[in-house]
Protein backbone atom coordinates (compact mmCIF):
# COMPACT_ATOMS: atom_id res chain seq x y z
CA MET A 1 -99.83 -20.76 58.13
CA VAL A 2 -99.48 -22.74 54.83
CA ARG A 3 -97.51 -19.40 53.33
CA SER A 4 -95.24 -19.55 56.34
CA SER A 5 -94.02 -23.39 55.99
CA VAL A 6 -94.06 -22.95 51.89
CA PHE A 7 -91.37 -20.00 52.64
CA LYS A 8 -89.49 -22.43 54.91
CA SER A 9 -89.19 -24.90 52.95
CA THR A 10 -87.96 -22.73 50.41
CA LEU A 11 -85.58 -20.83 51.98
CA ALA A 12 -84.66 -24.12 54.06
CA LEU A 13 -83.76 -26.33 50.42
CA VAL A 14 -82.37 -23.02 48.73
CA VAL A 15 -79.41 -23.09 51.44
CA VAL A 16 -78.76 -26.93 51.42
CA SER A 17 -78.83 -25.91 47.75
CA ALA A 18 -76.36 -23.37 48.03
CA LEU A 19 -74.33 -24.81 50.53
CA GLY A 20 -74.56 -28.21 48.18
CA ALA A 21 -72.87 -25.87 45.76
CA CYS A 22 -69.97 -24.41 47.45
CA GLY A 23 -69.11 -27.94 48.62
CA ALA A 24 -69.54 -26.83 52.50
CA LEU A 25 -71.59 -30.67 52.84
CA ASN A 26 -67.94 -32.27 51.70
CA LEU A 27 -69.60 -35.42 50.26
CA GLY A 28 -66.12 -36.35 48.80
CA ALA A 29 -63.94 -35.41 46.47
CA PRO A 30 -64.56 -36.25 42.76
CA ALA A 31 -63.06 -40.08 41.28
CA ASP A 32 -61.44 -38.93 38.46
CA ARG A 33 -59.41 -36.03 40.21
CA ASP A 34 -56.05 -36.76 41.09
CA PRO A 35 -54.60 -36.70 44.49
CA ASN A 36 -51.04 -35.43 43.79
CA LEU A 37 -52.54 -32.62 41.07
CA GLY A 38 -50.90 -29.29 42.52
CA LEU A 39 -47.34 -31.22 43.58
CA GLU A 40 -45.97 -30.99 40.54
CA PRO A 41 -43.42 -27.86 40.15
CA THR A 42 -44.59 -27.78 36.25
CA ASN A 43 -47.89 -27.16 37.82
CA PRO A 44 -49.44 -23.57 37.38
CA ASN A 45 -51.18 -24.37 40.57
CA TYR A 46 -47.99 -25.46 42.35
CA VAL A 47 -47.92 -24.44 45.90
CA GLU A 48 -44.39 -24.30 47.32
CA MET A 49 -44.13 -26.60 50.80
CA ASP A 50 -40.60 -25.74 51.02
CA PRO A 51 -40.41 -22.95 54.35
CA ASP A 52 -36.96 -21.91 53.45
CA ASN A 53 -37.89 -20.19 50.08
CA THR A 54 -40.87 -17.59 50.76
CA ILE A 55 -40.34 -14.25 50.58
CA TRP A 56 -39.49 -14.04 53.87
CA ALA A 57 -37.06 -16.75 53.65
CA ILE A 58 -34.15 -12.88 52.56
CA PHE A 59 -34.66 -12.14 56.33
CA ASN A 60 -33.59 -15.18 57.90
CA ARG A 61 -30.52 -15.46 56.05
CA LYS A 62 -27.53 -18.01 57.68
CA ASN A 63 -24.43 -16.72 55.66
CA VAL A 64 -24.35 -13.03 56.33
CA ASP A 65 -20.93 -12.72 54.01
CA THR A 66 -21.70 -12.06 51.16
CA SER A 67 -19.19 -11.94 48.28
CA VAL A 68 -18.99 -8.77 45.45
CA SER A 69 -17.27 -10.40 42.55
CA VAL A 70 -16.48 -7.18 40.96
CA ASN A 71 -13.46 -5.52 40.16
CA LYS A 72 -13.21 -2.49 42.42
CA TYR A 73 -10.94 -0.41 40.13
CA LEU A 74 -12.41 -1.12 37.34
CA TRP A 75 -16.32 -0.36 39.11
CA SER A 76 -14.75 3.52 40.14
CA ALA A 77 -13.12 3.85 36.89
CA SER A 78 -16.89 3.74 35.29
CA LEU A 79 -17.99 5.87 37.68
CA GLU A 80 -15.53 8.57 37.05
CA VAL A 81 -15.17 8.02 33.76
CA LEU A 82 -18.47 8.20 33.24
CA ASN A 83 -19.41 11.18 35.82
CA PHE A 84 -20.47 13.73 33.13
CA LEU A 85 -23.33 11.23 33.15
CA PRO A 86 -26.60 11.23 35.73
CA VAL A 87 -26.84 7.36 37.47
CA GLN A 88 -29.78 5.91 37.28
CA SER A 89 -28.92 3.02 39.20
CA ILE A 90 -26.26 0.58 40.38
CA ASP A 91 -25.70 -2.40 41.75
CA PRO A 92 -22.67 -3.50 43.53
CA TYR A 93 -23.83 -7.07 44.05
CA THR A 94 -23.93 -8.07 39.95
CA GLY A 95 -22.08 -5.15 38.85
CA VAL A 96 -24.69 -3.25 36.71
CA ILE A 97 -24.53 0.82 36.51
CA VAL A 98 -27.30 1.73 34.80
CA THR A 99 -26.86 5.75 33.05
CA GLY A 100 -29.55 8.43 31.84
CA TYR A 101 -28.37 11.05 28.84
CA GLY A 102 -25.51 13.24 29.46
CA THR A 103 -23.02 15.03 27.02
CA PRO A 104 -19.22 14.77 27.16
CA PRO A 105 -17.46 17.88 27.93
CA GLY A 106 -16.85 19.82 25.02
CA GLY A 107 -19.07 17.14 23.11
CA SER A 108 -22.90 17.77 21.04
CA GLN A 109 -24.43 14.34 20.74
CA SER A 110 -25.85 12.97 24.17
CA TYR A 111 -25.20 9.45 24.75
CA ARG A 112 -26.04 6.94 27.71
CA ALA A 113 -24.59 4.04 29.08
CA THR A 114 -24.93 0.86 30.84
CA VAL A 115 -22.22 -1.14 32.01
CA LEU A 116 -21.12 -4.39 33.39
CA ILE A 117 -18.65 -5.71 35.55
CA ASP A 118 -18.29 -9.65 35.92
CA ASP A 119 -15.06 -10.50 36.64
CA PRO A 120 -13.19 -9.88 39.40
CA ALA A 121 -10.17 -9.73 37.54
CA LEU A 122 -9.34 -6.22 36.36
CA ASP A 123 -9.60 -7.40 32.61
CA ALA A 124 -10.79 -6.41 29.50
CA ARG A 125 -13.65 -9.17 29.33
CA SER A 126 -13.88 -8.54 32.65
CA LEU A 127 -15.62 -4.69 31.40
CA ASN A 128 -18.96 -5.24 29.38
CA ILE A 129 -20.41 -1.37 27.97
CA ALA A 130 -23.23 -0.80 25.92
CA LEU A 131 -23.56 3.43 24.66
CA GLN A 132 -26.80 4.05 23.18
CA THR A 133 -26.77 7.98 21.50
CA ARG A 134 -30.57 10.23 22.79
CA GLY A 135 -32.22 8.55 19.57
CA GLY A 136 -32.38 5.28 21.07
CA ARG A 137 -29.32 4.43 17.86
CA THR A 138 -26.30 2.69 19.28
CA VAL A 139 -22.89 4.12 19.37
CA SER A 140 -19.81 3.09 16.66
CA LYS A 141 -17.60 0.33 17.56
CA ALA A 142 -15.08 3.39 17.83
CA THR A 143 -16.93 5.67 20.11
CA SER A 144 -17.64 2.46 22.68
CA ARG A 145 -13.72 1.02 22.19
CA ALA A 146 -12.43 4.22 23.40
CA VAL A 147 -14.61 4.50 25.96
CA GLU A 148 -13.74 1.25 26.98
CA ASP A 149 -10.38 2.10 26.60
CA ALA A 150 -10.64 5.33 28.67
CA ILE A 151 -11.88 3.21 32.09
CA LEU A 152 -9.35 0.11 31.80
CA SER A 153 -6.51 3.41 31.56
CA ARG A 154 -7.47 4.98 34.49
CA ALA A 155 -8.40 1.25 36.70
CA ARG A 156 -4.83 0.63 35.67
CA GLU A 157 -3.88 4.05 36.99
CA MET A 158 -6.17 3.31 39.98
CA ARG A 159 -4.43 0.10 40.96
CA ILE A 160 -0.83 1.39 40.51
CA ALA A 161 -1.19 3.94 42.96
CA ASP A 162 -3.09 2.08 45.78
CA ALA A 163 0.71 -0.75 44.99
CA LYS A 164 2.50 2.63 45.97
CA PHE A 165 0.82 2.93 49.97
């Protein structure tokens, strides 16, 4: 009988201690704790409360008109001139084309290219190309310039052909 009441008392004390340690008794916040802690965006524990800034907000877009700020002639000409390279990823909204390694017709060296078209104007400033060899080295400026010139020339030809119709 005594052993049973000691066991029950010990068990009750352990449960109360465990709940108190976990904060389940809610005895109040410590006096030194700032109530605004976590309300500043610079705090790593910041909790975003804006309902328009969540992962689900992308499905509730109010503006369905999305404008593409990439020149269509430069985009098409880039894909056409670099058609010997396998396309790894493209994003027409940001104007990025990333290719894998490929060998140009009649060439012996493998190249890969990353193309960025960052302006809707048909202009050399809108086109940025980065070429690499299979070893990871960049190609000479003359080779890069020749590819840029080929893309720009093809883009101008495409624009002139569109103007005729």
